[in-house]
Amino acid sequence: MACYQPLLELSQGQFEYLVDNKKPKEKSSAYIQYLYKKLPSKHLAAYQKTMNKAPVRDEFGNEQCREFYYRTRLIVDYISGMTDQYAYDEFRTFNVKSDF
């Protein structure tokens, strides 16, 4: 889960831009783009469908909490659907030094 932390650190606007345009806004986001591309389209479709519903605001009129919850679920659902071998391969991939 920690490997996908950069996707959770994006603002709502940055993540929505990534979802809508399939590329990050900032130039230094090759790693974020790599992580995003690993997410299955069916999980992304569920996220978009949920986010396109009528906004649900908290007691302060804020929708960010709802978006962050569904973005977190997107990542958790992806990870929980991994087989043991795939999760192990992912772990090994992320723990090798990279040029990102």
PDB file of N, CA and C in Angstrom:
ATOM      1  N   MET A   1       0.836  -1.200   0.000  1.00  0.00           N
ATOM      2  CA  MET A   1       0.000   0.000   0.000  1.00  0.00           C
ATOM      3  C   MET A   1       0.871   1.250   0.000  1.00  0.00           C
ATOM      4  N   ALA A   2       1.985   1.199   0.710  1.00  0.00           N
ATOM      5  CA  ALA A   2       2.862   2.367   0.790  1.00  0.00           C
ATOM      6  C   ALA A   2       3.409   2.753  -0.581  1.00  0.00           C
ATOM      7  N   CYS A   3       3.539   1.788  -1.460  1.00  0.00           N
ATOM      8  CA  CYS A   3       4.050   2.080  -2.804  1.00  0.00           C
ATOM      9  C   CYS A   3       3.096   2.974  -3.589  1.00  0.00           C
ATOM     10  N   TYR A   4       1.819   2.898  -3.265  1.00  0.00           N
ATOM     11  CA  TYR A   4       0.811   3.686  -3.971  1.00  0.00           C
ATOM     12  C   TYR A   4       0.496   5.006  -3.262  1.00  0.00           C
ATOM     13  N   GLN A   5       1.222   5.299  -2.207  1.00  0.00           N
ATOM     14  CA  GLN A   5       1.040   6.536  -1.446  1.00  0.00           C
ATOM     15  C   GLN A   5       1.078   7.797  -2.316  1.00  0.00           C
ATOM     16  N   PRO A   6       1.962   7.881  -3.331  1.00  0.00           N
ATOM     17  CA  PRO A   6       1.970   9.096  -4.149  1.00  0.00           C
ATOM     18  C   PRO A   6       0.623   9.410  -4.807  1.00  0.00           C
ATOM     19  N   LEU A   7      -0.163   8.388  -5.114  1.00  0.00           N
ATOM     20  CA  LEU A   7      -1.495   8.641  -5.680  1.00  0.00           C
ATOM     21  C   LEU A   7      -2.436   9.239  -4.645  1.00  0.00           C
ATOM     22  N   LEU A   8      -2.215   8.871  -3.390  1.00  0.00           N
ATOM     23  CA  LEU A   8      -3.052   9.416  -2.322  1.00  0.00           C
ATOM     24  C   LEU A   8      -2.615  10.814  -1.907  1.00  0.00           C
ATOM     25  N   GLU A   9      -1.392  11.166  -2.205  1.00  0.00           N
ATOM     26  CA  GLU A   9      -0.878  12.493  -1.846  1.00  0.00           C
ATOM     27  C   GLU A   9      -1.289  13.574  -2.838  1.00  0.00           C
ATOM     28  N   LEU A  10      -1.819  13.171  -3.982  1.00  0.00           N
ATOM     29  CA  LEU A  10      -2.298  14.149  -4.953  1.00  0.00           C
ATOM     30  C   LEU A  10      -3.541  14.844  -4.418  1.00  0.00           C
ATOM     31  N   SER A  11      -3.723  16.076  -4.832  1.00  0.00           N
ATOM     32  CA  SER A  11      -4.973  16.755  -4.489  1.00  0.00           C
ATOM     33  C   SER A  11      -6.099  16.139  -5.313  1.00  0.00           C
ATOM     34  N   GLN A  12      -7.321  16.425  -4.932  1.00  0.00           N
ATOM     35  CA  GLN A  12      -8.466  15.914  -5.683  1.00  0.00           C
ATOM     36  C   GLN A  12      -8.382  16.370  -7.136  1.00  0.00           C
ATOM     37  N   GLY A  13      -8.058  17.615  -7.353  1.00  0.00           N
ATOM     38  CA  GLY A  13      -7.961  18.150  -8.709  1.00  0.00           C
ATOM     39  C   GLY A  13      -6.865  17.476  -9.524  1.00  0.00           C
ATOM     40  N   GLN A  14      -5.725  17.236  -8.903  1.00  0.00           N
ATOM     41  CA  GLN A  14      -4.631  16.573  -9.609  1.00  0.00           C
ATOM     42  C   GLN A  14      -5.006  15.155 -10.006  1.00  0.00           C
ATOM     43  N   PHE A  15      -5.654  14.428  -9.092  1.00  0.00           N
ATOM     44  CA  PHE A  15      -6.036  13.053  -9.413  1.00  0.00           C
ATOM     45  C   PHE A  15      -7.121  13.033 -10.483  1.00  0.00           C
ATOM     46  N   GLU A  16      -8.087  13.921 -10.398  1.00  0.00           N
ATOM     47  CA  GLU A  16      -9.145  13.968 -11.410  1.00  0.00           C
ATOM     48  C   GLU A  16      -8.578  14.337 -12.776  1.00  0.00           C
ATOM     49  N   TYR A  17      -7.584  15.204 -12.803  1.00  0.00           N
ATOM     50  CA  TYR A  17      -6.922  15.537 -14.065  1.00  0.00           C
ATOM     51  C   TYR A  17      -6.256  14.292 -14.640  1.00  0.00           C
ATOM     52  N   LEU A  18      -5.617  13.526 -13.787  1.00  0.00           N
ATOM     53  CA  LEU A  18      -4.967  12.292 -14.205  1.00  0.00           C
ATOM     54  C   LEU A  18      -6.000  11.314 -14.769  1.00  0.00           C
ATOM     55  N   VAL A  19      -7.134  11.162 -14.092  1.00  0.00           N
ATOM     56  CA  VAL A  19      -8.191  10.261 -14.543  1.00  0.00           C
ATOM     57  C   VAL A  19      -8.764  10.732 -15.877  1.00  0.00           C
ATOM     58  N   ASP A  20      -9.018  12.007 -16.003  1.00  0.00           N
ATOM     59  CA  ASP A  20      -9.646  12.536 -17.215  1.00  0.00           C
ATOM     60  C   ASP A  20      -8.703  12.595 -18.412  1.00  0.00           C
ATOM     61  N   ASN A  21      -7.441  12.860 -18.167  1.00  0.00           N
ATOM     62  CA  ASN A  21      -6.505  13.086 -19.270  1.00  0.00           C
ATOM     63  C   ASN A  21      -5.439  12.012 -19.419  1.00  0.00           C
ATOM     64  N   LYS A  22      -5.412  11.059 -18.525  1.00  0.00           N
ATOM     65  CA  LYS A  22      -4.474   9.945 -18.579  1.00  0.00           C
ATOM     66  C   LYS A  22      -3.012  10.365 -18.503  1.00  0.00           C
ATOM     67  N   LYS A  23      -2.772  11.547 -18.031  1.00  0.00           N
ATOM     68  CA  LYS A  23      -1.387  11.975 -17.830  1.00  0.00           C
ATOM     69  C   LYS A  23      -1.338  12.969 -16.688  1.00  0.00           C
ATOM     70  N   PRO A  24      -0.227  13.038 -15.973  1.00  0.00           N
ATOM     71  CA  PRO A  24      -0.137  13.959 -14.842  1.00  0.00           C
ATOM     72  C   PRO A  24       0.047  15.389 -15.301  1.00  0.00           C
ATOM     73  N   LYS A  25      -0.342  16.309 -14.453  1.00  0.00           N
ATOM     74  CA  LYS A  25      -0.218  17.729 -14.761  1.00  0.00           C
ATOM     75  C   LYS A  25       1.227  18.197 -14.654  1.00  0.00           C
ATOM     76  N   GLU A  26       1.916  17.741 -13.626  1.00  0.00           N
ATOM     77  CA  GLU A  26       3.289  18.184 -13.418  1.00  0.00           C
ATOM     78  C   GLU A  26       4.263  17.338 -14.228  1.00  0.00           C
ATOM     79  N   LYS A  27       5.353  17.952 -14.598  1.00  0.00           N
ATOM     80  CA  LYS A  27       6.361  17.276 -15.405  1.00  0.00           C
ATOM     81  C   LYS A  27       7.072  16.168 -14.631  1.00  0.00           C
ATOM     82  N   SER A  28       7.235  16.320 -13.328  1.00  0.00           N
ATOM     83  CA  SER A  28       8.002  15.371 -12.521  1.00  0.00           C
ATOM     84  C   SER A  28       7.162  14.197 -12.022  1.00  0.00           C
ATOM     85  N   SER A  29       6.152  13.797 -12.753  1.00  0.00           N
ATOM     86  CA  SER A  29       5.225  12.791 -12.262  1.00  0.00           C
ATOM     87  C   SER A  29       5.297  11.474 -13.030  1.00  0.00           C
ATOM     88  N   ALA A  30       6.447  11.105 -13.533  1.00  0.00           N
ATOM     89  CA  ALA A  30       6.560   9.841 -14.266  1.00  0.00           C
ATOM     90  C   ALA A  30       6.195   8.664 -13.372  1.00  0.00           C
ATOM     91  N   TYR A  31       6.620   8.699 -12.125  1.00  0.00           N
ATOM     92  CA  TYR A  31       6.311   7.614 -11.191  1.00  0.00           C
ATOM     93  C   TYR A  31       4.817   7.556 -10.907  1.00  0.00           C
ATOM     94  N   ILE A  32       4.200   8.711 -10.733  1.00  0.00           N
ATOM     95  CA  ILE A  32       2.752   8.766 -10.491  1.00  0.00           C
ATOM     96  C   ILE A  32       2.008   8.221 -11.697  1.00  0.00           C
ATOM     97  N   GLN A  33       2.446   8.575 -12.876  1.00  0.00           N
ATOM     98  CA  GLN A  33       1.816   8.070 -14.094  1.00  0.00           C
ATOM     99  C   GLN A  33       1.989   6.548 -14.186  1.00  0.00           C
ATOM    100  N   TYR A  34       3.147   6.058 -13.822  1.00  0.00           N
ATOM    101  CA  TYR A  34       3.403   4.615 -13.802  1.00  0.00           C
ATOM    102  C   TYR A  34       2.428   3.914 -12.849  1.00  0.00           C
ATOM    103  N   LEU A  35       2.276   4.459 -11.655  1.00  0.00           N
ATOM    104  CA  LEU A  35       1.356   3.871 -10.678  1.00  0.00           C
ATOM    105  C   LEU A  35      -0.079   3.889 -11.195  1.00  0.00           C
ATOM    106  N   TYR A  36      -0.472   5.018 -11.767  1.00  0.00           N
ATOM    107  CA  TYR A  36      -1.839   5.161 -12.266  1.00  0.00           C
ATOM    108  C   TYR A  36      -2.134   4.140 -13.364  1.00  0.00           C
ATOM    109  N   LYS A  37      -1.179   3.937 -14.254  1.00  0.00           N
ATOM    110  CA  LYS A  37      -1.388   3.007 -15.363  1.00  0.00           C
ATOM    111  C   LYS A  37      -1.531   1.564 -14.893  1.00  0.00           C
ATOM    112  N   LYS A  38      -1.072   1.257 -13.703  1.00  0.00           N
ATOM    113  CA  LYS A  38      -1.196  -0.085 -13.167  1.00  0.00           C
ATOM    114  C   LYS A  38      -2.616  -0.377 -12.671  1.00  0.00           C
ATOM    115  N   LEU A  39      -3.402   0.658 -12.409  1.00  0.00           N
ATOM    116  CA  LEU A  39      -4.762   0.460 -11.898  1.00  0.00           C
ATOM    117  C   LEU A  39      -5.659  -0.079 -13.002  1.00  0.00           C
ATOM    118  N   PRO A  40      -6.424  -1.135 -12.720  1.00  0.00           N
ATOM    119  CA  PRO A  40      -7.296  -1.737 -13.733  1.00  0.00           C
ATOM    120  C   PRO A  40      -8.423  -0.789 -14.159  1.00  0.00           C
ATOM    121  N   SER A  41      -8.781  -0.883 -15.416  1.00  0.00           N
ATOM    122  CA  SER A  41      -9.824   0.002 -15.950  1.00  0.00           C
ATOM    123  C   SER A  41     -11.163  -0.221 -15.261  1.00  0.00           C
ATOM    124  N   LYS A  42     -11.466  -1.449 -14.841  1.00  0.00           N
ATOM    125  CA  LYS A  42     -12.751  -1.690 -14.169  1.00  0.00           C
ATOM    126  C   LYS A  42     -12.808  -0.991 -12.810  1.00  0.00           C
ATOM    127  N   HIS A  43     -11.671  -0.904 -12.125  1.00  0.00           N
ATOM    128  CA  HIS A  43     -11.629  -0.188 -10.855  1.00  0.00           C
ATOM    129  C   HIS A  43     -11.752   1.320 -11.090  1.00  0.00           C
ATOM    130  N   LEU A  44     -11.084   1.802 -12.119  1.00  0.00           N
ATOM    131  CA  LEU A  44     -11.176   3.231 -12.447  1.00  0.00           C
ATOM    132  C   LEU A  44     -12.593   3.605 -12.876  1.00  0.00           C
ATOM    133  N   ALA A  45     -13.253   2.711 -13.623  1.00  0.00           N
ATOM    134  CA  ALA A  45     -14.632   2.972 -14.051  1.00  0.00           C
ATOM    135  C   ALA A  45     -15.560   3.064 -12.838  1.00  0.00           C
ATOM    136  N   ALA A  46     -15.354   2.204 -11.849  1.00  0.00           N
ATOM    137  CA  ALA A  46     -16.176   2.258 -10.631  1.00  0.00           C
ATOM    138  C   ALA A  46     -15.936   3.563  -9.881  1.00  0.00           C
ATOM    139  N   TYR A  47     -14.683   4.001  -9.815  1.00  0.00           N
ATOM    140  CA  TYR A  47     -14.348   5.280  -9.170  1.00  0.00           C
ATOM    141  C   TYR A  47     -15.052   6.431  -9.897  1.00  0.00           C
ATOM    142  N   GLN A  48     -14.942   6.460 -11.226  1.00  0.00           N
ATOM    143  CA  GLN A  48     -15.554   7.541 -12.004  1.00  0.00           C
ATOM    144  C   GLN A  48     -17.067   7.528 -11.869  1.00  0.00           C
ATOM    145  N   LYS A  49     -17.677   6.353 -11.896  1.00  0.00           N
ATOM    146  CA  LYS A  49     -19.127   6.259 -11.765  1.00  0.00           C
ATOM    147  C   LYS A  49     -19.578   6.830 -10.423  1.00  0.00           C
ATOM    148  N   THR A  50     -18.856   6.471  -9.384  1.00  0.00           N
ATOM    149  CA  THR A  50     -19.190   6.973  -8.050  1.00  0.00           C
ATOM    150  C   THR A  50     -19.003   8.482  -7.967  1.00  0.00           C
ATOM    151  N   MET A  51     -17.924   8.979  -8.522  1.00  0.00           N
ATOM    152  CA  MET A  51     -17.641  10.411  -8.444  1.00  0.00           C
ATOM    153  C   MET A  51     -18.583  11.230  -9.317  1.00  0.00           C
ATOM    154  N   ASN A  52     -19.181  10.619 -10.328  1.00  0.00           N
ATOM    155  CA  ASN A  52     -20.114  11.343 -11.195  1.00  0.00           C
ATOM    156  C   ASN A  52     -21.514  11.447 -10.593  1.00  0.00           C
ATOM    157  N   LYS A  53     -21.752  10.700  -9.512  1.00  0.00           N
ATOM    158  CA  LYS A  53     -23.041  10.813  -8.835  1.00  0.00           C
ATOM    159  C   LYS A  53     -23.131  12.180  -8.176  1.00  0.00           C
ATOM    160  N   ALA A  54     -24.310  12.513  -7.734  1.00  0.00           N
ATOM    161  CA  ALA A  54     -24.509  13.801  -7.056  1.00  0.00           C
ATOM    162  C   ALA A  54     -23.523  13.923  -5.903  1.00  0.00           C
ATOM    163  N   PRO A  55     -22.874  15.052  -5.783  1.00  0.00           N
ATOM    164  CA  PRO A  55     -21.879  15.226  -4.720  1.00  0.00           C
ATOM    165  C   PRO A  55     -22.485  15.066  -3.332  1.00  0.00           C
ATOM    166  N   VAL A  56     -21.740  14.410  -2.483  1.00  0.00           N
ATOM    167  CA  VAL A  56     -22.113  14.259  -1.085  1.00  0.00           C
ATOM    168  C   VAL A  56     -21.130  15.095  -0.287  1.00  0.00           C
ATOM    169  N   ARG A  57     -21.627  16.066   0.406  1.00  0.00           N
ATOM    170  CA  ARG A  57     -20.746  16.972   1.143  1.00  0.00           C
ATOM    171  C   ARG A  57     -20.804  16.661   2.633  1.00  0.00           C
ATOM    172  N   ASP A  58     -19.693  16.916   3.315  1.00  0.00           N
ATOM    173  CA  ASP A  58     -19.684  16.725   4.763  1.00  0.00           C
ATOM    174  C   ASP A  58     -20.354  17.917   5.439  1.00  0.00           C
ATOM    175  N   GLU A  59     -20.336  17.935   6.755  1.00  0.00           N
ATOM    176  CA  GLU A  59     -21.031  19.000   7.489  1.00  0.00           C
ATOM    177  C   GLU A  59     -20.469  20.388   7.214  1.00  0.00           C
ATOM    178  N   PHE A  60     -19.277  20.456   6.617  1.00  0.00           N
ATOM    179  CA  PHE A  60     -18.660  21.739   6.292  1.00  0.00           C
ATOM    180  C   PHE A  60     -18.831  22.093   4.814  1.00  0.00           C
ATOM    181  N   GLY A  61     -19.600  21.286   4.069  1.00  0.00           N
ATOM    182  CA  GLY A  61     -19.812  21.545   2.655  1.00  0.00           C
ATOM    183  C   GLY A  61     -18.635  21.109   1.796  1.00  0.00           C
ATOM    184  N   ASN A  62     -17.849  20.153   2.278  1.00  0.00           N
ATOM    185  CA  ASN A  62     -16.629  19.735   1.618  1.00  0.00           C
ATOM    186  C   ASN A  62     -16.800  18.350   0.997  1.00  0.00           C
ATOM    187  N   GLU A  63     -16.430  18.198  -0.262  1.00  0.00           N
ATOM    188  CA  GLU A  63     -16.532  16.920  -0.948  1.00  0.00           C
ATOM    189  C   GLU A  63     -15.194  16.182  -0.961  1.00  0.00           C
ATOM    190  N   GLN A  64     -14.127  16.795  -0.504  1.00  0.00           N
ATOM    191  CA  GLN A  64     -12.798  16.185  -0.581  1.00  0.00           C
ATOM    192  C   GLN A  64     -12.708  14.883   0.206  1.00  0.00           C
ATOM    193  N   CYS A  65     -13.352  14.812   1.328  1.00  0.00           N
ATOM    194  CA  CYS A  65     -13.309  13.608   2.152  1.00  0.00           C
ATOM    195  C   CYS A  65     -13.908  12.434   1.376  1.00  0.00           C
ATOM    196  N   ARG A  66     -15.007  12.648   0.716  1.00  0.00           N
ATOM    197  CA  ARG A  66     -15.665  11.606  -0.085  1.00  0.00           C
ATOM    198  C   ARG A  66     -14.765  11.154  -1.215  1.00  0.00           C
ATOM    199  N   GLU A  67     -14.155  12.091  -1.911  1.00  0.00           N
ATOM    200  CA  GLU A  67     -13.273  11.737  -3.032  1.00  0.00           C
ATOM    201  C   GLU A  67     -12.074  10.949  -2.526  1.00  0.00           C
ATOM    202  N   PHE A  68     -11.481  11.378  -1.435  1.00  0.00           N
ATOM    203  CA  PHE A  68     -10.310  10.687  -0.898  1.00  0.00           C
ATOM    204  C   PHE A  68     -10.673   9.264  -0.472  1.00  0.00           C
ATOM    205  N   TYR A  69     -11.846   9.106   0.119  1.00  0.00           N
ATOM    206  CA  TYR A  69     -12.309   7.776   0.517  1.00  0.00           C
ATOM    207  C   TYR A  69     -12.398   6.856  -0.696  1.00  0.00           C
ATOM    208  N   TYR A  70     -13.022   7.312  -1.782  1.00  0.00           N
ATOM    209  CA  TYR A  70     -13.183   6.472  -2.958  1.00  0.00           C
ATOM    210  C   TYR A  70     -11.863   6.258  -3.698  1.00  0.00           C
ATOM    211  N   ARG A  71     -10.968   7.209  -3.641  1.00  0.00           N
ATOM    212  CA  ARG A  71      -9.644   7.006  -4.238  1.00  0.00           C
ATOM    213  C   ARG A  71      -8.879   5.949  -3.442  1.00  0.00           C
ATOM    214  N   THR A  72      -8.990   6.005  -2.125  1.00  0.00           N
ATOM    215  CA  THR A  72      -8.351   5.000  -1.277  1.00  0.00           C
ATOM    216  C   THR A  72      -8.943   3.623  -1.542  1.00  0.00           C
ATOM    217  N   ARG A  73     -10.260   3.562  -1.674  1.00  0.00           N
ATOM    218  CA  ARG A  73     -10.905   2.279  -1.987  1.00  0.00           C
ATOM    219  C   ARG A  73     -10.454   1.744  -3.326  1.00  0.00           C
ATOM    220  N   LEU A  74     -10.266   2.614  -4.292  1.00  0.00           N
ATOM    221  CA  LEU A  74      -9.779   2.214  -5.610  1.00  0.00           C
ATOM    222  C   LEU A  74      -8.462   1.461  -5.475  1.00  0.00           C
ATOM    223  N   ILE A  75      -7.561   2.004  -4.705  1.00  0.00           N
ATOM    224  CA  ILE A  75      -6.242   1.398  -4.529  1.00  0.00           C
ATOM    225  C   ILE A  75      -6.331   0.132  -3.672  1.00  0.00           C
ATOM    226  N   VAL A  76      -7.100   0.184  -2.602  1.00  0.00           N
ATOM    227  CA  VAL A  76      -7.252  -0.986  -1.735  1.00  0.00           C
ATOM    228  C   VAL A  76      -7.909  -2.141  -2.495  1.00  0.00           C
ATOM    229  N   ASP A  77      -8.925  -1.852  -3.287  1.00  0.00           N
ATOM    230  CA  ASP A  77      -9.584  -2.896  -4.075  1.00  0.00           C
ATOM    231  C   ASP A  77      -8.609  -3.529  -5.068  1.00  0.00           C
ATOM    232  N   TYR A  78      -7.774  -2.709  -5.678  1.00  0.00           N
ATOM    233  CA  TYR A  78      -6.769  -3.221  -6.609  1.00  0.00           C
ATOM    234  C   TYR A  78      -5.802  -4.146  -5.884  1.00  0.00           C
ATOM    235  N   ILE A  79      -5.285  -3.712  -4.760  1.00  0.00           N
ATOM    236  CA  ILE A  79      -4.308  -4.508  -4.010  1.00  0.00           C
ATOM    237  C   ILE A  79      -4.952  -5.791  -3.466  1.00  0.00           C
ATOM    238  N   SER A  80      -6.152  -5.689  -2.951  1.00  0.00           N
ATOM    239  CA  SER A  80      -6.791  -6.875  -2.365  1.00  0.00           C
ATOM    240  C   SER A  80      -7.146  -7.919  -3.422  1.00  0.00           C
ATOM    241  N   GLY A  81      -7.246  -7.511  -4.667  1.00  0.00           N
ATOM    242  CA  GLY A  81      -7.545  -8.444  -5.744  1.00  0.00           C
ATOM    243  C   GLY A  81      -6.315  -9.124  -6.324  1.00  0.00           C
ATOM    244  N   MET A  82      -5.144  -8.750  -5.851  1.00  0.00           N
ATOM    245  CA  MET A  82      -3.908  -9.362  -6.354  1.00  0.00           C
ATOM    246  C   MET A  82      -3.767 -10.787  -5.829  1.00  0.00           C
ATOM    247  N   THR A  83      -3.217 -11.655  -6.658  1.00  0.00           N
ATOM    248  CA  THR A  83      -2.846 -12.979  -6.165  1.00  0.00           C
ATOM    249  C   THR A  83      -1.596 -12.818  -5.305  1.00  0.00           C
ATOM    250  N   ASP A  84      -1.301 -13.831  -4.519  1.00  0.00           N
ATOM    251  CA  ASP A  84      -0.103 -13.765  -3.679  1.00  0.00           C
ATOM    252  C   ASP A  84       1.157 -13.579  -4.523  1.00  0.00           C
ATOM    253  N   GLN A  85       1.241 -14.316  -5.619  1.00  0.00           N
ATOM    254  CA  GLN A  85       2.434 -14.226  -6.457  1.00  0.00           C
ATOM    255  C   GLN A  85       2.557 -12.844  -7.092  1.00  0.00           C
ATOM    256  N   TYR A  86       1.446 -12.299  -7.576  1.00  0.00           N
ATOM    257  CA  TYR A  86       1.492 -10.968  -8.188  1.00  0.00           C
ATOM    258  C   TYR A  86       1.870  -9.912  -7.145  1.00  0.00           C
ATOM    259  N   ALA A  87       1.308 -10.024  -5.949  1.00  0.00           N
ATOM    260  CA  ALA A  87       1.644  -9.074  -4.882  1.00  0.00           C
ATOM    261  C   ALA A  87       3.126  -9.170  -4.539  1.00  0.00           C
ATOM    262  N   TYR A  88       3.653 -10.377  -4.498  1.00  0.00           N
ATOM    263  CA  TYR A  88       5.076 -10.565  -4.214  1.00  0.00           C
ATOM    264  C   TYR A  88       5.930  -9.960  -5.328  1.00  0.00           C
ATOM    265  N   ASP A  89       5.528 -10.167  -6.576  1.00  0.00           N
ATOM    266  CA  ASP A  89       6.262  -9.586  -7.708  1.00  0.00           C
ATOM    267  C   ASP A  89       6.220  -8.062  -7.660  1.00  0.00           C
ATOM    268  N   GLU A  90       5.072  -7.516  -7.309  1.00  0.00           N
ATOM    269  CA  GLU A  90       4.953  -6.062  -7.162  1.00  0.00           C
ATOM    270  C   GLU A  90       5.883  -5.553  -6.065  1.00  0.00           C
ATOM    271  N   PHE A  91       5.887  -6.249  -4.944  1.00  0.00           N
ATOM    272  CA  PHE A  91       6.754  -5.871  -3.828  1.00  0.00           C
ATOM    273  C   PHE A  91       8.210  -5.844  -4.279  1.00  0.00           C
ATOM    274  N   ARG A  92       8.620  -6.872  -4.981  1.00  0.00           N
ATOM    275  CA  ARG A  92      10.009  -6.937  -5.470  1.00  0.00           C
ATOM    276  C   ARG A  92      10.288  -5.805  -6.454  1.00  0.00           C
ATOM    277  N   THR A  93       9.338  -5.528  -7.339  1.00  0.00           N
ATOM    278  CA  THR A  93       9.523  -4.457  -8.312  1.00  0.00           C
ATOM    279  C   THR A  93       9.698  -3.108  -7.630  1.00  0.00           C
ATOM    280  N   PHE A  94       8.876  -2.826  -6.644  1.00  0.00           N
ATOM    281  CA  PHE A  94       8.937  -1.537  -5.965  1.00  0.00           C
ATOM    282  C   PHE A  94      10.133  -1.401  -5.034  1.00  0.00           C
ATOM    283  N   ASN A  95      10.690  -2.507  -4.640  1.00  0.00           N
ATOM    284  CA  ASN A  95      11.828  -2.438  -3.726  1.00  0.00           C
ATOM    285  C   ASN A  95      13.169  -2.535  -4.420  1.00  0.00           C
ATOM    286  N   VAL A  96      13.168  -2.448  -5.736  1.00  0.00           N
ATOM    287  CA  VAL A  96      14.394  -2.351  -6.516  1.00  0.00           C
ATOM    288  C   VAL A  96      14.568  -0.874  -6.837  1.00  0.00           C
ATOM    289  N   LYS A  97      15.739  -0.359  -6.672  1.00  0.00           N
ATOM    290  CA  LYS A  97      15.972   1.061  -6.968  1.00  0.00           C
ATOM    291  C   LYS A  97      15.646   1.331  -8.438  1.00  0.00           C
ATOM    292  N   SER A  98      14.920   2.402  -8.663  1.00  0.00           N
ATOM    293  CA  SER A  98      14.545   2.750 -10.030  1.00  0.00           C
ATOM    294  C   SER A  98      14.973   4.167 -10.338  1.00  0.00           C
ATOM    295  N   ASP A  99      14.819   4.534 -11.604  1.00  0.00           N
ATOM    296  CA  ASP A  99      15.215   5.862 -12.058  1.00  0.00           C
ATOM    297  C   ASP A  99      14.070   6.857 -12.035  1.00  0.00           C
ATOM    298  N   PHE A 100      12.913   6.485 -11.444  1.00  0.00           N
ATOM    299  CA  PHE A 100      11.763   7.394 -11.420  1.00  0.00           C
ATOM    300  C   PHE A 100      12.065   8.577 -10.586  1.00  0.00           C
TER     301      PHE A 100
END
